[in-house]
Every structure is written in C-alpha cells, then in structure tokens.
Protein backbone atom coordinates (compact mmCIF):
# COMPACT_ATOMS: atom_id res chain seq x y z
CA MET A 1 19.67 55.58 -24.79
CA PRO A 2 22.65 54.71 -27.08
CA PRO A 3 21.45 53.58 -30.52
CA SER A 4 23.29 50.33 -30.20
CA ILE A 5 21.34 49.45 -27.11
CA ALA A 6 17.86 50.03 -28.58
CA PRO A 7 17.46 47.01 -30.72
CA ARG A 8 18.64 44.63 -27.89
CA ILE A 9 16.01 46.11 -25.59
CA VAL A 10 13.28 45.75 -28.23
CA ALA A 11 14.32 42.18 -29.04
CA THR A 12 14.44 41.29 -25.36
CA LEU A 13 10.93 42.55 -24.74
CA LEU A 14 9.51 40.70 -27.72
CA LEU A 15 11.14 37.47 -26.56
CA ALA A 16 9.81 37.96 -23.03
CA ALA A 17 6.38 38.23 -24.26
CA ALA A 18 6.58 35.18 -26.33
CA CYS A 19 8.30 33.05 -23.71
CA ASP A 20 6.09 34.15 -20.97
CA ARG A 21 2.96 32.73 -22.62
CA LEU A 22 4.63 29.61 -24.10
CA SER A 23 4.27 30.33 -24.69
CA SER A 24 -6.82 42.15 -38.63
CA GLU A 25 -8.23 42.90 -39.87
CA ASP A 26 -11.34 40.71 -39.90
CA GLU A 27 -9.68 39.09 -43.05
CA PRO A 28 -6.04 39.84 -42.79
CA GLN A 29 -4.29 40.41 -46.09
CA PRO A 30 -1.37 38.05 -47.12
CA PRO A 31 2.13 39.48 -47.45
CA SER A 32 2.72 41.53 -50.45
CA ALA A 33 4.98 40.69 -53.31
CA SER A 34 6.90 44.03 -53.21
CA THR A 35 10.56 44.45 -52.13
CA PRO A 36 10.75 43.55 -48.41
CA ILE A 37 11.00 46.72 -46.38
CA ALA A 38 13.30 44.99 -43.79
CA ALA A 39 15.86 44.14 -46.62
CA THR A 40 16.12 47.82 -47.62
CA LEU A 41 16.89 49.42 -44.21
CA ASP A 42 20.13 51.25 -44.47
CA ALA A 43 21.16 54.18 -42.26
CA ALA A 44 22.97 55.92 -45.14
CA ASN A 45 19.72 55.74 -47.38
CA PRO A 46 16.64 55.35 -45.22
CA ARG A 47 14.42 54.59 -48.24
CA ALA A 48 14.17 58.32 -49.10
CA ASP A 49 13.71 57.48 -52.75
CA LEU A 50 10.44 55.38 -52.19
CA PRO A 51 7.04 56.99 -52.35
CA ILE A 52 5.33 57.84 -49.19
CA PRO A 53 2.40 55.40 -48.73
CA ALA A 54 -1.10 56.94 -48.31
CA ASP A 55 -3.30 53.90 -47.62
CA PRO A 56 -3.52 52.17 -44.31
CA ARG A 57 -2.44 48.78 -45.71
CA SER A 58 0.79 50.13 -47.17
CA ILE A 59 1.45 52.11 -44.01
CA MET A 60 1.18 48.99 -41.89
CA LEU A 61 3.98 47.36 -43.93
CA GLU A 62 5.99 50.33 -43.14
CA LEU A 63 5.36 50.26 -39.35
CA ALA A 64 5.89 46.53 -39.10
CA PRO A 65 8.43 45.11 -41.67
CA MET A 66 9.60 41.54 -41.69
CA PRO A 67 12.56 39.89 -43.48
CA ASP A 68 11.50 38.37 -46.84
CA HIS A 69 7.85 39.42 -46.24
CA ALA A 70 7.02 36.33 -44.13
CA ILE A 71 8.94 33.70 -42.10
CA VAL A 72 8.18 30.48 -40.26
CA ILE A 73 10.26 29.25 -37.23
CA VAL A 74 9.87 25.83 -35.82
CA TYR A 75 11.31 25.32 -32.23
CA ASP A 76 12.06 22.39 -29.95
CA VAL A 77 10.99 22.94 -26.41
CA ILE A 78 12.82 21.20 -23.52
CA GLY A 79 12.04 21.35 -19.87
CA PRO A 80 12.57 19.69 -16.47
CA ALA A 81 11.49 16.17 -15.63
CA GLY A 82 11.16 15.17 -19.37
CA MET A 83 8.95 18.02 -20.44
CA SER A 84 9.19 18.34 -24.22
CA GLY A 85 7.32 19.90 -27.19
CA THR A 86 7.30 22.09 -30.17
CA LEU A 87 6.49 25.79 -30.85
CA GLU A 88 5.76 27.11 -34.33
CA VAL A 89 5.80 30.80 -35.13
CA LEU A 90 4.52 32.24 -38.30
CA ALA A 91 5.10 35.98 -38.76
CA ALA A 92 4.50 38.37 -41.68
CA GLU A 93 4.97 42.12 -42.38
CA GLY A 94 2.21 44.31 -41.33
CA GLY A 95 1.91 42.99 -37.76
CA LEU A 96 0.71 39.53 -38.43
CA ARG A 97 1.80 36.61 -36.20
CA ARG A 98 0.60 33.20 -35.18
CA ASP A 99 2.07 30.82 -32.47
CA ASN A 100 1.02 27.18 -32.17
CA TRP A 101 2.47 25.11 -29.46
CA THR A 102 2.23 21.57 -28.06
CA ILE A 103 3.88 20.57 -24.80
CA THR A 104 4.03 17.17 -23.35
CA LEU A 105 4.32 16.80 -19.50
CA PRO A 106 5.17 13.23 -18.07
CA LEU A 107 3.07 12.74 -14.94
CA PRO A 108 2.81 9.81 -12.51
CA ASP A 109 -0.60 8.86 -13.94
CA GLY A 110 0.37 9.30 -17.61
CA ALA A 111 1.54 12.03 -19.90
CA ARG A 112 -0.43 15.30 -20.25
CA GLU A 113 -0.51 17.20 -23.59
CA ILE A 114 -1.01 20.89 -23.63
CA ARG A 115 -1.89 22.58 -26.87
CA GLY A 116 -2.42 26.22 -27.64
CA SER A 117 -2.45 28.91 -30.22
CA ALA A 118 -2.24 32.65 -30.35
CA VAL A 119 -2.81 35.06 -33.19
CA ARG A 120 -1.95 38.76 -33.49
CA THR A 121 -3.43 40.99 -36.32
CA PRO A 122 -3.38 44.75 -36.60
CA THR A 123 -6.72 44.94 -34.83
CA SER A 124 -6.64 42.35 -32.17
CA SER A 125 -4.69 39.73 -30.17
CA TRP A 126 -5.98 36.21 -29.29
CA ARG A 127 -4.72 33.40 -27.19
CA ALA A 128 -6.24 30.06 -26.27
CA GLU A 129 -5.33 26.68 -24.81
CA GLY A 130 -7.01 23.52 -25.58
CA GLU A 131 -10.50 23.79 -26.98
CA THR A 132 -11.51 26.95 -25.13
CA ALA A 133 -12.51 30.12 -27.05
CA GLY A 134 -9.61 31.92 -25.50
CA THR A 135 -9.19 35.53 -24.71
CA LEU A 136 -9.29 38.51 -27.13
CA GLU A 137 -7.97 41.95 -26.70
CA PRO A 138 -7.53 44.87 -29.01
CA GLY A 139 -4.48 45.87 -30.94
CA ARG A 140 -3.71 49.34 -32.18
CA LEU A 141 -1.54 48.96 -35.24
CA ALA A 142 -4.57 49.34 -37.64
CA ASP A 143 -5.62 52.44 -35.71
CA VAL A 144 -2.20 53.97 -35.88
CA ALA A 145 -2.01 53.25 -39.71
CA ASP A 146 -5.46 54.78 -40.18
CA ALA A 147 -4.48 57.89 -38.18
CA ILE A 148 -1.26 58.30 -40.32
CA ALA A 149 -3.33 57.88 -43.57
CA LYS A 150 -5.68 60.69 -42.49
CA LEU A 151 -2.83 63.20 -41.91
CA ASP A 152 -2.39 65.84 -44.48
CA PRO A 153 0.37 64.91 -47.07
CA ASP A 154 3.00 67.04 -45.43
CA ALA A 155 2.39 65.66 -41.93
CA ARG A 156 2.17 62.18 -43.20
CA THR A 157 5.42 62.52 -45.08
CA LYS A 158 7.19 63.83 -41.84
CA VAL A 159 5.88 60.90 -39.79
CA ILE A 160 6.76 58.25 -42.39
CA THR A 161 10.18 59.72 -42.91
CA GLU A 162 10.98 59.70 -39.17
CA ILE A 163 9.88 56.12 -38.86
CA ARG A 164 12.08 55.18 -41.84
CA LYS A 165 15.02 57.05 -40.10
CA TRP A 166 14.42 55.23 -36.93
CA GLN A 167 14.39 51.87 -38.59
CA ALA A 168 17.60 52.72 -40.47
CA GLU A 169 19.20 53.89 -37.14
CA LEU A 170 18.52 50.42 -35.62
CA ALA A 171 19.90 48.64 -38.79
CA GLN A 172 23.07 50.81 -38.63
CA ALA A 173 23.37 50.12 -34.87
CA ARG A 174 23.24 46.42 -35.48
CA ALA A 175 25.97 46.77 -38.12
CA ASP A 176 28.17 48.86 -35.88
CA ASP A 177 27.74 46.62 -32.79
CA PRO A 178 27.17 43.01 -33.97
CA GLY A 179 27.44 41.70 -30.37
CA GLU A 180 28.14 38.06 -29.44
CA ARG A 181 26.65 35.99 -32.31
CA ASP A 182 25.69 32.49 -33.12
CA THR A 183 24.13 30.76 -36.10
CA ILE A 184 21.08 28.74 -35.39
CA ALA A 185 19.21 26.93 -38.23
CA GLY A 186 21.17 28.74 -40.66
CA THR A 187 20.40 32.16 -39.26
CA SER A 188 22.59 34.57 -37.46
CA CYS A 189 21.51 35.85 -33.98
CA VAL A 190 22.92 37.84 -31.13
CA ARG A 191 23.15 36.58 -27.51
CA VAL A 192 22.00 38.70 -24.72
CA ARG A 193 20.94 37.99 -21.12
CA ALA A 194 17.21 38.09 -20.71
CA GLY A 195 14.78 37.15 -17.82
CA GLY A 196 17.44 35.20 -15.93
CA GLY A 197 18.51 33.24 -18.93
CA GLU A 198 20.08 33.88 -22.23
CA VAL A 199 18.46 34.55 -25.62
CA CYS A 200 19.94 34.47 -29.06
CA THR A 201 17.72 36.88 -31.05
CA TRP A 202 17.30 37.29 -34.85
CA GLU A 203 17.07 41.02 -34.50
CA GLU A 204 15.86 41.92 -37.93
CA ALA A 205 12.75 39.79 -37.33
CA GLY A 206 12.46 40.61 -33.57
CA LEU A 207 12.17 37.01 -32.72
CA PRO A 208 14.28 34.47 -30.65
CA LEU A 209 16.09 31.51 -32.29
CA ARG A 210 17.21 30.09 -28.86
CA TYR A 211 16.23 30.78 -25.28
CA ASP A 212 17.86 29.15 -22.25
CA GLY A 213 16.07 29.85 -19.03
CA ALA A 214 15.81 28.46 -15.55
CA THR A 215 12.65 26.46 -16.22
CA PHE A 216 12.74 25.65 -19.97
CA SER A 217 14.69 26.05 -23.15
CA ILE A 218 13.67 26.64 -26.69
CA VAL A 219 15.87 26.34 -29.84
CA ALA A 220 14.89 26.72 -33.46
CA SER A 221 15.27 23.65 -35.59
CA HIS A 222 13.91 25.11 -38.83
CA VAL A 223 13.78 28.65 -40.25
CA GLU A 224 11.91 29.32 -43.57
CA ARG A 225 12.28 32.70 -45.04
CA GLY A 226 9.86 34.12 -47.62
CA ALA A 227 7.33 31.61 -46.51
CA ALA A 228 4.06 31.48 -48.62
CA LEU A 229 1.51 32.29 -45.85
CA GLY A 230 -2.00 32.92 -47.13
CA VAL A 231 -4.81 34.89 -45.51
CA HIS A 232 -5.97 31.98 -43.49
CA ALA A 233 -2.75 31.47 -41.63
CA PHE A 234 -3.66 34.47 -39.26
CA GLU A 235 -7.44 34.02 -38.88
CA ILE A 236 -8.86 34.22 -35.43
CA PRO A 237 -11.51 31.40 -34.76
CA ALA A 238 -15.03 32.67 -35.39
CA ASP A 239 -16.26 31.82 -31.85
CA ALA A 240 -13.34 33.89 -30.39
CA ALA A 241 -13.82 36.70 -32.91
CA ARG A 242 -17.34 37.25 -31.58
CA SER A 243 -16.04 37.64 -28.04
CA PRO A 244 -16.02 41.24 -26.60
CA LEU A 245 -12.65 42.76 -26.60
CA ALA A 246 -11.05 43.34 -23.28
CA VAL A 247 -11.03 47.06 -22.22
CA THR A 248 -7.57 48.50 -22.15
CA PRO A 249 -6.41 52.08 -21.45
CA THR A 250 -4.94 53.78 -24.46
CA ARG A 251 -3.16 57.10 -25.21
CA PRO A 252 -4.47 59.39 -27.99
CA ILE A 253 -2.71 58.76 -31.27
CA GLY A 254 -2.77 62.23 -32.63
CA PRO A 255 -0.25 63.90 -30.06
CA ALA A 256 2.05 60.85 -30.47
CA LEU A 257 2.20 61.34 -34.22
CA THR A 258 2.86 65.05 -33.82
CA ALA A 259 5.82 64.22 -31.40
CA ILE A 260 7.07 61.56 -33.93
CA ALA A 261 7.08 64.03 -36.80
CA ALA A 262 9.20 66.41 -34.65
CA GLY A 263 11.78 63.61 -34.18
CA ASP A 264 10.79 62.31 -30.72
CA ARG A 265 12.27 58.70 -30.60
CA ALA A 266 10.74 57.91 -27.20
CA ALA A 267 7.25 58.72 -28.51
CA LEU A 268 7.87 56.56 -31.57
CA MET A 269 9.10 53.62 -29.49
CA ARG A 270 6.21 53.92 -27.12
CA LEU A 271 3.57 54.02 -29.90
CA LEU A 272 5.06 51.48 -32.30
CA VAL A 273 6.76 49.08 -30.07
CA VAL A 274 5.05 49.17 -26.75
CA GLU A 275 1.43 50.18 -27.33
CA SER A 276 0.66 48.71 -30.68
CA PHE A 277 1.05 45.09 -29.59
CA PRO A 278 -0.97 43.91 -26.48
CA SER A 279 1.38 41.13 -25.36
CA LEU A 280 4.34 43.49 -25.30
CA SER A 281 2.28 46.14 -23.45
CA ALA A 282 1.55 43.54 -20.83
CA VAL A 283 5.30 42.85 -20.30
CA GLN A 284 5.97 46.58 -20.02
CA ALA A 285 3.35 47.01 -17.40
CA ALA A 286 4.46 43.99 -15.44
CA GLY A 287 8.13 45.33 -15.41
C-alpha cells in the first residue's frame, strides 16, 4: 500500500463508522497539558528525542493522539423531505470520543425528533437513542496499552518507536500528497470519495468536516481546537455501564506487538486502527 494512500483509507473508514450510526476507563482521565503528540509528528524526526512512556495512561496518548489535545466539532445535518438536525463530536487524545445528535423528521402527523449519544473510551463503546440504556461493547485500547506497559524496556522501546515512525510516515505522506483540499469552519480538509458520496476529512484528527451522501449531508459549522473537556465529558451512563459487555472475538495482543516491534505495518494497522475501536471493527467486518 503506498504511504500516501494509507491515511486516506484510515480517514474514510473512520468517517463511515461515524456516519453509519448517525450517526475508560471507569473514570476517563481528562486530556493532559503536555505538548500535543499530533502536533509533533514529523517523518524527519519521529519524536526520537522524547522519553519512552512506561505507564498505560501515557502509552494511550501515544497510541491515539489528537490535535491540540482535544477538539469539539458541531455539524449541521441535512436530509431529504426537510430532515434536519445537529451532530456534536467531542474527541480527546487517548481514544476518548463522544457523539451527541438530534435529528428532526417532518411527518404527516407532526415532526418526530430523534436524539442519541455515543461514547468511546479505552475500555468500552456505548451507543443509545432516546431514553434507552443503549448497547455496550468492549474496546481494546486500554488492553493494548497495558500489554505494551508490561513489556520489558527494550521490547517496549521497539514497539513505541515503530508506532512513532508509522505516525510520522502518515504525516509525511499527507505533506507530500495534500490532495484536493477545502477549508471548512476554518480548518483544512482533503476531499475523497467514500460510501457513494464525498467526504472532506480533517486527516490529523481522523474526523470528517463535510460529508455529502445519497441520503443525507453533514457539514461542520464550528470547530474548537484545544477544547477544555473534563472527565465527565466521556462518562458512560451508570445504567449502561452496568450492562454486560457484548462478546466479541479478539486476536491475542502479544504476537501483534512482536510483529509491530519487527516493523510489520499491517499488524500495526490491524491492532491500532481496526481492532482497538469497536465501531471501526464493525465497518471492517461489514466490508
């Protein structure tokens, strides 16, 4: 796979997961105040001068960086026959994300309003519509971070170094091949075809700023970088948190880390992009 293509595929899969659903730790930690990892990615210097993290929390920040630590994006949603609504996405480094949506459907007997929320933490992913408890399934990012933290120092250094190199390669690929670009809500994005429509994706964040599809469109009306998002922004409701997690098949983490340490980019993509986030895994399976 050419390096310039990889970030496009990742961004498209992430968008498909978000639009398809329109779509922690038990107490997730708020974003840290350190230098944003996403702002330091550079193929010529993949953060080799920074210390190798040893604790799971710091490792999670390496595995899932986010521009300016945390962001908020507000979208307008437009659909057929007068459908309208809003979608709000809160995302922070370390694999934290929350989606809130409100959709209004004009019907012959009066308008119908659909509300929903979804939360992703390093340990689980939850989605609900209306007042239901919703569904809960496990996430693997925390398990991956724990497994890396338990490696001996030499092995941990090799894994983190390869992850940093991969992130820097993606950043360099974006610089070498900017693609067809637009600016939406003050933020640059690249246009690609996806799912029968067109998406303009903020690649550094892995989030769409605009999606034009056959059944609906979304466009960002507001982007806030460096958002002050506290611990409660990513809480899963207590009644949902008590629900049993769905059983999902998983691959062993140890062999994947061994392959990553040896420079296997396919193993890295599979573990960190596909398998660590349930919604993305579902899209992969469906495809």
